[in-house]
Amino acid sequence: MLNINEEKWIIVSKDREVIGKGIPRNRYLCRIDDVKDKKRILTYASKAKAESAFIDSWFYSSGKYRPEDMEAIKVNISMQEVQ
């Protein structure tokens, strides 16, 4: 049975309203509560890589959010096989 637990870094706004989604070449800030948005959540191996993504490269549709409004947080990703 498959059981994977990983620690990764993601990008969210400090007010926890938006999250970084998309693919490395097309990054977007999407509302966290938008369940219809099917873009994948961007994950990073380290805090430095995550911070570089929003400080150096930025995102489409960032609107009111600037790099200083964002932060990288560590999350635990769990995957379990369903039988």
PDB file of N, CA and C in Angstrom:
ATOM      1  N   MET A   1       0.846  -1.180   0.000  1.00  0.00           N
ATOM      2  CA  MET A   1       0.000   0.000   0.000  1.00  0.00           C
ATOM      3  C   MET A   1       0.891   1.244   0.000  1.00  0.00           C
ATOM      4  N   LEU A   2       0.512   2.201  -0.796  1.00  0.00           N
ATOM      5  CA  LEU A   2       1.257   3.441  -0.944  1.00  0.00           C
ATOM      6  C   LEU A   2       0.918   4.410   0.183  1.00  0.00           C
ATOM      7  N   ASN A   3       1.966   4.948   0.822  1.00  0.00           N
ATOM      8  CA  ASN A   3       1.775   5.919   1.890  1.00  0.00           C
ATOM      9  C   ASN A   3       2.972   6.859   1.868  1.00  0.00           C
ATOM     10  N   ILE A   4       2.770   8.123   1.430  1.00  0.00           N
ATOM     11  CA  ILE A   4       3.853   9.088   1.284  1.00  0.00           C
ATOM     12  C   ILE A   4       3.544  10.329   2.107  1.00  0.00           C
ATOM     13  N   ASN A   5       4.522  10.788   2.865  1.00  0.00           N
ATOM     14  CA  ASN A   5       4.433  12.050   3.610  1.00  0.00           C
ATOM     15  C   ASN A   5       5.660  12.873   3.261  1.00  0.00           C
ATOM     16  N   GLU A   6       5.449  14.104   2.814  1.00  0.00           N
ATOM     17  CA  GLU A   6       6.549  14.985   2.444  1.00  0.00           C
ATOM     18  C   GLU A   6       6.329  16.372   3.025  1.00  0.00           C
ATOM     19  N   GLU A   7       7.428  17.023   3.375  1.00  0.00           N
ATOM     20  CA  GLU A   7       7.361  18.423   3.758  1.00  0.00           C
ATOM     21  C   GLU A   7       7.779  19.254   2.559  1.00  0.00           C
ATOM     22  N   LYS A   8       6.952  20.220   2.181  1.00  0.00           N
ATOM     23  CA  LYS A   8       7.205  21.110   1.049  1.00  0.00           C
ATOM     24  C   LYS A   8       6.923  22.538   1.486  1.00  0.00           C
ATOM     25  N   TRP A   9       7.261  23.474   0.627  1.00  0.00           N
ATOM     26  CA  TRP A   9       7.000  24.897   0.861  1.00  0.00           C
ATOM     27  C   TRP A   9       6.016  25.390  -0.186  1.00  0.00           C
ATOM     28  N   ILE A  10       5.058  26.205   0.239  1.00  0.00           N
ATOM     29  CA  ILE A  10       4.101  26.810  -0.679  1.00  0.00           C
ATOM     30  C   ILE A  10       4.084  28.324  -0.437  1.00  0.00           C
ATOM     31  N   ILE A  11       3.468  29.047  -1.348  1.00  0.00           N
ATOM     32  CA  ILE A  11       3.379  30.501  -1.249  1.00  0.00           C
ATOM     33  C   ILE A  11       1.937  30.895  -0.966  1.00  0.00           C
ATOM     34  N   VAL A  12       1.744  31.678   0.085  1.00  0.00           N
ATOM     35  CA  VAL A  12       0.417  32.194   0.427  1.00  0.00           C
ATOM     36  C   VAL A  12       0.557  33.659   0.821  1.00  0.00           C
ATOM     37  N   SER A  13      -0.542  34.368   0.780  1.00  0.00           N
ATOM     38  CA  SER A  13      -0.521  35.752   1.257  1.00  0.00           C
ATOM     39  C   SER A  13      -0.535  35.733   2.782  1.00  0.00           C
ATOM     40  N   LYS A  14      -0.018  36.780   3.365  1.00  0.00           N
ATOM     41  CA  LYS A  14       0.027  36.858   4.830  1.00  0.00           C
ATOM     42  C   LYS A  14      -1.368  36.876   5.439  1.00  0.00           C
ATOM     43  N   ASP A  15      -2.366  37.349   4.674  1.00  0.00           N
ATOM     44  CA  ASP A  15      -3.743  37.341   5.171  1.00  0.00           C
ATOM     45  C   ASP A  15      -4.467  36.025   4.848  1.00  0.00           C
ATOM     46  N   ARG A  16      -3.746  35.097   4.236  1.00  0.00           N
ATOM     47  CA  ARG A  16      -4.234  33.742   3.893  1.00  0.00           C
ATOM     48  C   ARG A  16      -5.454  33.765   2.974  1.00  0.00           C
ATOM     49  N   GLU A  17      -5.496  34.729   2.056  1.00  0.00           N
ATOM     50  CA  GLU A  17      -6.599  34.797   1.097  1.00  0.00           C
ATOM     51  C   GLU A  17      -6.242  34.184  -0.248  1.00  0.00           C
ATOM     52  N   VAL A  18      -4.959  34.244  -0.653  1.00  0.00           N
ATOM     53  CA  VAL A  18      -4.561  33.691  -1.950  1.00  0.00           C
ATOM     54  C   VAL A  18      -3.387  32.738  -1.775  1.00  0.00           C
ATOM     55  N   ILE A  19      -3.243  31.855  -2.775  1.00  0.00           N
ATOM     56  CA  ILE A  19      -2.196  30.841  -2.782  1.00  0.00           C
ATOM     57  C   ILE A  19      -1.592  30.787  -4.186  1.00  0.00           C
ATOM     58  N   GLY A  20      -0.329  30.431  -4.284  1.00  0.00           N
ATOM     59  CA  GLY A  20       0.336  30.304  -5.577  1.00  0.00           C
ATOM     60  C   GLY A  20      -0.048  29.001  -6.258  1.00  0.00           C
ATOM     61  N   LYS A  21      -0.571  29.116  -7.493  1.00  0.00           N
ATOM     62  CA  LYS A  21      -0.987  27.941  -8.253  1.00  0.00           C
ATOM     63  C   LYS A  21      -0.504  28.062  -9.692  1.00  0.00           C
ATOM     64  N   GLY A  22      -0.613  26.976 -10.439  1.00  0.00           N
ATOM     65  CA  GLY A  22      -0.277  26.979 -11.851  1.00  0.00           C
ATOM     66  C   GLY A  22       0.858  26.031 -12.164  1.00  0.00           C
ATOM     67  N   ILE A  23       1.705  26.441 -13.125  1.00  0.00           N
ATOM     68  CA  ILE A  23       2.903  25.700 -13.492  1.00  0.00           C
ATOM     69  C   ILE A  23       4.065  26.684 -13.434  1.00  0.00           C
ATOM     70  N   PRO A  24       5.303  26.212 -13.404  1.00  0.00           N
ATOM     71  CA  PRO A  24       6.420  27.149 -13.239  1.00  0.00           C
ATOM     72  C   PRO A  24       6.452  28.312 -14.224  1.00  0.00           C
ATOM     73  N   ARG A  25       6.025  28.118 -15.444  1.00  0.00           N
ATOM     74  CA  ARG A  25       6.050  29.217 -16.414  1.00  0.00           C
ATOM     75  C   ARG A  25       4.805  30.087 -16.391  1.00  0.00           C
ATOM     76  N   ASN A  26       3.737  29.604 -15.828  1.00  0.00           N
ATOM     77  CA  ASN A  26       2.478  30.358 -15.731  1.00  0.00           C
ATOM     78  C   ASN A  26       1.965  30.265 -14.305  1.00  0.00           C
ATOM     79  N   ARG A  27       2.394  31.206 -13.485  1.00  0.00           N
ATOM     80  CA  ARG A  27       2.027  31.197 -12.070  1.00  0.00           C
ATOM     81  C   ARG A  27       0.921  32.217 -11.820  1.00  0.00           C
ATOM     82  N   TYR A  28      -0.010  31.839 -10.966  1.00  0.00           N
ATOM     83  CA  TYR A  28      -1.146  32.686 -10.639  1.00  0.00           C
ATOM     84  C   TYR A  28      -1.338  32.738  -9.135  1.00  0.00           C
ATOM     85  N   LEU A  29      -1.908  33.826  -8.668  1.00  0.00           N
ATOM     86  CA  LEU A  29      -2.383  33.900  -7.290  1.00  0.00           C
ATOM     87  C   LEU A  29      -3.879  33.670  -7.344  1.00  0.00           C
ATOM     88  N   CYS A  30      -4.330  32.621  -6.698  1.00  0.00           N
ATOM     89  CA  CYS A  30      -5.743  32.240  -6.726  1.00  0.00           C
ATOM     90  C   CYS A  30      -6.299  32.268  -5.310  1.00  0.00           C
ATOM     91  N   ARG A  31      -7.563  32.593  -5.212  1.00  0.00           N
ATOM     92  CA  ARG A  31      -8.212  32.585  -3.898  1.00  0.00           C
ATOM     93  C   ARG A  31      -8.187  31.179  -3.320  1.00  0.00           C
ATOM     94  N   ILE A  32      -7.863  31.079  -2.054  1.00  0.00           N
ATOM     95  CA  ILE A  32      -7.792  29.780  -1.384  1.00  0.00           C
ATOM     96  C   ILE A  32      -9.162  29.123  -1.326  1.00  0.00           C
ATOM     97  N   ASP A  33     -10.209  29.903  -1.155  1.00  0.00           N
ATOM     98  CA  ASP A  33     -11.555  29.345  -1.003  1.00  0.00           C
ATOM     99  C   ASP A  33     -12.264  29.063  -2.336  1.00  0.00           C
ATOM    100  N   ASP A  34     -11.590  29.244  -3.469  1.00  0.00           N
ATOM    101  CA  ASP A  34     -12.193  28.979  -4.784  1.00  0.00           C
ATOM    102  C   ASP A  34     -12.065  27.494  -5.115  1.00  0.00           C
ATOM    103  N   VAL A  35     -13.106  26.713  -4.811  1.00  0.00           N
ATOM    104  CA  VAL A  35     -13.060  25.263  -5.015  1.00  0.00           C
ATOM    105  C   VAL A  35     -13.174  24.872  -6.492  1.00  0.00           C
ATOM    106  N   LYS A  36     -13.625  25.783  -7.338  1.00  0.00           N
ATOM    107  CA  LYS A  36     -13.750  25.484  -8.773  1.00  0.00           C
ATOM    108  C   LYS A  36     -12.434  25.625  -9.517  1.00  0.00           C
ATOM    109  N   ASP A  37     -11.451  26.293  -8.919  1.00  0.00           N
ATOM    110  CA  ASP A  37     -10.155  26.487  -9.556  1.00  0.00           C
ATOM    111  C   ASP A  37      -9.355  25.185  -9.465  1.00  0.00           C
ATOM    112  N   LYS A  38      -9.032  24.597 -10.601  1.00  0.00           N
ATOM    113  CA  LYS A  38      -8.373  23.290 -10.635  1.00  0.00           C
ATOM    114  C   LYS A  38      -6.877  23.360 -10.936  1.00  0.00           C
ATOM    115  N   LYS A  39      -6.292  24.571 -10.900  1.00  0.00           N
ATOM    116  CA  LYS A  39      -4.844  24.663 -11.094  1.00  0.00           C
ATOM    117  C   LYS A  39      -4.143  23.968  -9.926  1.00  0.00           C
ATOM    118  N   ARG A  40      -2.956  23.432 -10.213  1.00  0.00           N
ATOM    119  CA  ARG A  40      -2.248  22.740  -9.137  1.00  0.00           C
ATOM    120  C   ARG A  40      -1.545  23.741  -8.233  1.00  0.00           C
ATOM    121  N   ILE A  41      -1.411  23.399  -6.983  1.00  0.00           N
ATOM    122  CA  ILE A  41      -0.700  24.236  -6.025  1.00  0.00           C
ATOM    123  C   ILE A  41       0.791  24.083  -6.289  1.00  0.00           C
ATOM    124  N   LEU A  42       1.473  25.202  -6.403  1.00  0.00           N
ATOM    125  CA  LEU A  42       2.912  25.164  -6.635  1.00  0.00           C
ATOM    126  C   LEU A  42       3.625  24.814  -5.333  1.00  0.00           C
ATOM    127  N   THR A  43       4.488  23.817  -5.384  1.00  0.00           N
ATOM    128  CA  THR A  43       5.263  23.424  -4.212  1.00  0.00           C
ATOM    129  C   THR A  43       6.742  23.579  -4.519  1.00  0.00           C
ATOM    130  N   TYR A  44       7.504  23.818  -3.487  1.00  0.00           N
ATOM    131  CA  TYR A  44       8.937  24.046  -3.621  1.00  0.00           C
ATOM    132  C   TYR A  44       9.680  23.209  -2.591  1.00  0.00           C
ATOM    133  N   ALA A  45      10.915  22.837  -2.916  1.00  0.00           N
ATOM    134  CA  ALA A  45      11.718  21.985  -2.041  1.00  0.00           C
ATOM    135  C   ALA A  45      12.308  22.737  -0.859  1.00  0.00           C
ATOM    136  N   SER A  46      12.472  24.043  -0.985  1.00  0.00           N
ATOM    137  CA  SER A  46      13.071  24.805   0.114  1.00  0.00           C
ATOM    138  C   SER A  46      12.397  26.174   0.233  1.00  0.00           C
ATOM    139  N   LYS A  47      12.612  26.797   1.373  1.00  0.00           N
ATOM    140  CA  LYS A  47      12.067  28.133   1.607  1.00  0.00           C
ATOM    141  C   LYS A  47      12.690  29.137   0.638  1.00  0.00           C
ATOM    142  N   ALA A  48      13.982  29.002   0.390  1.00  0.00           N
ATOM    143  CA  ALA A  48      14.671  29.927  -0.522  1.00  0.00           C
ATOM    144  C   ALA A  48      14.100  29.854  -1.932  1.00  0.00           C
ATOM    145  N   LYS A  49      13.811  28.657  -2.415  1.00  0.00           N
ATOM    146  CA  LYS A  49      13.234  28.508  -3.755  1.00  0.00           C
ATOM    147  C   LYS A  49      11.830  29.095  -3.815  1.00  0.00           C
ATOM    148  N   ALA A  50      11.050  28.901  -2.770  1.00  0.00           N
ATOM    149  CA  ALA A  50       9.694  29.443  -2.734  1.00  0.00           C
ATOM    150  C   ALA A  50       9.739  30.967  -2.705  1.00  0.00           C
ATOM    151  N   GLU A  51      10.600  31.523  -1.869  1.00  0.00           N
ATOM    152  CA  GLU A  51      10.698  32.984  -1.795  1.00  0.00           C
ATOM    153  C   GLU A  51      11.185  33.581  -3.106  1.00  0.00           C
ATOM    154  N   SER A  52      12.096  32.916  -3.761  1.00  0.00           N
ATOM    155  CA  SER A  52      12.584  33.386  -5.051  1.00  0.00           C
ATOM    156  C   SER A  52      11.460  33.436  -6.075  1.00  0.00           C
ATOM    157  N   ALA A  53      10.537  32.514  -6.003  1.00  0.00           N
ATOM    158  CA  ALA A  53       9.430  32.459  -6.955  1.00  0.00           C
ATOM    159  C   ALA A  53       8.559  33.710  -6.886  1.00  0.00           C
ATOM    160  N   PHE A  54       8.283  34.219  -5.686  1.00  0.00           N
ATOM    161  CA  PHE A  54       7.414  35.397  -5.627  1.00  0.00           C
ATOM    162  C   PHE A  54       8.177  36.711  -5.544  1.00  0.00           C
ATOM    163  N   ILE A  55       9.443  36.687  -5.198  1.00  0.00           N
ATOM    164  CA  ILE A  55      10.212  37.932  -5.150  1.00  0.00           C
ATOM    165  C   ILE A  55      10.789  38.261  -6.529  1.00  0.00           C
ATOM    166  N   ASP A  56      11.390  37.266  -7.186  1.00  0.00           N
ATOM    167  CA  ASP A  56      12.065  37.505  -8.462  1.00  0.00           C
ATOM    168  C   ASP A  56      11.150  37.375  -9.675  1.00  0.00           C
ATOM    169  N   SER A  57      10.265  36.402  -9.684  1.00  0.00           N
ATOM    170  CA  SER A  57       9.504  36.088 -10.887  1.00  0.00           C
ATOM    171  C   SER A  57       8.082  36.633 -10.872  1.00  0.00           C
ATOM    172  N   TRP A  58       7.482  36.655  -9.738  1.00  0.00           N
ATOM    173  CA  TRP A  58       6.132  37.148  -9.523  1.00  0.00           C
ATOM    174  C   TRP A  58       5.073  36.303 -10.213  1.00  0.00           C
ATOM    175  N   PHE A  59       3.833  36.748 -10.172  1.00  0.00           N
ATOM    176  CA  PHE A  59       2.685  35.967 -10.605  1.00  0.00           C
ATOM    177  C   PHE A  59       1.763  36.802 -11.478  1.00  0.00           C
ATOM    178  N   TYR A  60       1.014  36.113 -12.352  1.00  0.00           N
ATOM    179  CA  TYR A  60      -0.050  36.778 -13.102  1.00  0.00           C
ATOM    180  C   TYR A  60      -1.201  37.043 -12.146  1.00  0.00           C
ATOM    181  N   SER A  61      -2.029  37.981 -12.495  1.00  0.00           N
ATOM    182  CA  SER A  61      -3.232  38.349 -11.735  1.00  0.00           C
ATOM    183  C   SER A  61      -2.928  38.595 -10.259  1.00  0.00           C
ATOM    184  N   SER A  62      -1.797  39.234  -9.985  1.00  0.00           N
ATOM    185  CA  SER A  62      -1.434  39.463  -8.593  1.00  0.00           C
ATOM    186  C   SER A  62      -2.260  40.575  -7.960  1.00  0.00           C
ATOM    187  N   GLY A  63      -2.806  41.472  -8.765  1.00  0.00           N
ATOM    188  CA  GLY A  63      -3.704  42.513  -8.254  1.00  0.00           C
ATOM    189  C   GLY A  63      -3.105  43.323  -7.134  1.00  0.00           C
ATOM    190  N   LYS A  64      -3.739  43.279  -5.984  1.00  0.00           N
ATOM    191  CA  LYS A  64      -3.304  44.108  -4.865  1.00  0.00           C
ATOM    192  C   LYS A  64      -2.109  43.528  -4.117  1.00  0.00           C
ATOM    193  N   TYR A  65      -1.708  42.307  -4.426  1.00  0.00           N
ATOM    194  CA  TYR A  65      -0.648  41.654  -3.662  1.00  0.00           C
ATOM    195  C   TYR A  65       0.730  41.955  -4.231  1.00  0.00           C
ATOM    196  N   ARG A  66       1.606  42.417  -3.371  1.00  0.00           N
ATOM    197  CA  ARG A  66       2.998  42.685  -3.721  1.00  0.00           C
ATOM    198  C   ARG A  66       3.871  41.636  -3.042  1.00  0.00           C
ATOM    199  N   PRO A  67       5.137  41.517  -3.430  1.00  0.00           N
ATOM    200  CA  PRO A  67       5.995  40.503  -2.802  1.00  0.00           C
ATOM    201  C   PRO A  67       6.031  40.592  -1.271  1.00  0.00           C
ATOM    202  N   GLU A  68       5.981  41.786  -0.727  1.00  0.00           N
ATOM    203  CA  GLU A  68       6.023  41.910   0.739  1.00  0.00           C
ATOM    204  C   GLU A  68       4.731  41.459   1.413  1.00  0.00           C
ATOM    205  N   ASP A  69       3.667  41.213   0.628  1.00  0.00           N
ATOM    206  CA  ASP A  69       2.405  40.708   1.172  1.00  0.00           C
ATOM    207  C   ASP A  69       2.358  39.181   1.190  1.00  0.00           C
ATOM    208  N   MET A  70       3.392  38.552   0.641  1.00  0.00           N
ATOM    209  CA  MET A  70       3.404  37.097   0.495  1.00  0.00           C
ATOM    210  C   MET A  70       4.425  36.483   1.445  1.00  0.00           C
ATOM    211  N   GLU A  71       4.250  35.194   1.710  1.00  0.00           N
ATOM    212  CA  GLU A  71       5.242  34.469   2.495  1.00  0.00           C
ATOM    213  C   GLU A  71       5.250  32.996   2.105  1.00  0.00           C
ATOM    214  N   ALA A  72       6.388  32.367   2.337  1.00  0.00           N
ATOM    215  CA  ALA A  72       6.542  30.937   2.097  1.00  0.00           C
ATOM    216  C   ALA A  72       6.277  30.224   3.422  1.00  0.00           C
ATOM    217  N   ILE A  73       5.438  29.198   3.367  1.00  0.00           N
ATOM    218  CA  ILE A  73       5.158  28.425   4.578  1.00  0.00           C
ATOM    219  C   ILE A  73       5.416  26.953   4.312  1.00  0.00           C
ATOM    220  N   LYS A  74       5.820  26.244   5.343  1.00  0.00           N
ATOM    221  CA  LYS A  74       6.073  24.813   5.233  1.00  0.00           C
ATOM    222  C   LYS A  74       4.770  24.066   5.464  1.00  0.00           C
ATOM    223  N   VAL A  75       4.506  23.079   4.593  1.00  0.00           N
ATOM    224  CA  VAL A  75       3.290  22.268   4.725  1.00  0.00           C
ATOM    225  C   VAL A  75       3.664  20.792   4.656  1.00  0.00           C
ATOM    226  N   ASN A  76       2.800  19.964   5.145  1.00  0.00           N
ATOM    227  CA  ASN A  76       2.978  18.525   5.057  1.00  0.00           C
ATOM    228  C   ASN A  76       1.989  17.991   4.014  1.00  0.00           C
ATOM    229  N   ILE A  77       2.512  17.287   3.019  1.00  0.00           N
ATOM    230  CA  ILE A  77       1.665  16.703   1.984  1.00  0.00           C
ATOM    231  C   ILE A  77       1.598  15.199   2.221  1.00  0.00           C
ATOM    232  N   SER A  78       0.403  14.679   2.314  1.00  0.00           N
ATOM    233  CA  SER A  78       0.181  13.262   2.567  1.00  0.00           C
ATOM    234  C   SER A  78      -0.564  12.626   1.413  1.00  0.00           C
ATOM    235  N   MET A  79      -0.087  11.468   0.985  1.00  0.00           N
ATOM    236  CA  MET A  79      -0.780  10.713  -0.070  1.00  0.00           C
ATOM    237  C   MET A  79      -0.913   9.272   0.385  1.00  0.00           C
ATOM    238  N   GLN A  80      -2.124   8.763   0.284  1.00  0.00           N
ATOM    239  CA  GLN A  80      -2.380   7.374   0.649  1.00  0.00           C
ATOM    240  C   GLN A  80      -3.180   6.710  -0.451  1.00  0.00           C
ATOM    241  N   GLU A  81      -2.824   5.499  -0.751  1.00  0.00           N
ATOM    242  CA  GLU A  81      -3.534   4.729  -1.768  1.00  0.00           C
ATOM    243  C   GLU A  81      -4.930   4.386  -1.264  1.00  0.00           C
ATOM    244  N   VAL A  82      -5.912   4.546  -2.149  1.00  0.00           N
ATOM    245  CA  VAL A  82      -7.288   4.202  -1.829  1.00  0.00           C
ATOM    246  C   VAL A  82      -7.586   2.863  -2.472  1.00  0.00           C
ATOM    247  N   GLN A  83      -8.095   1.945  -1.691  1.00  0.00           N
ATOM    248  CA  GLN A  83      -8.367   0.596  -2.212  1.00  0.00           C
ATOM    249  C   GLN A  83      -9.841   0.377  -2.430  1.00  0.00           C
TER     250      GLN A  83
END
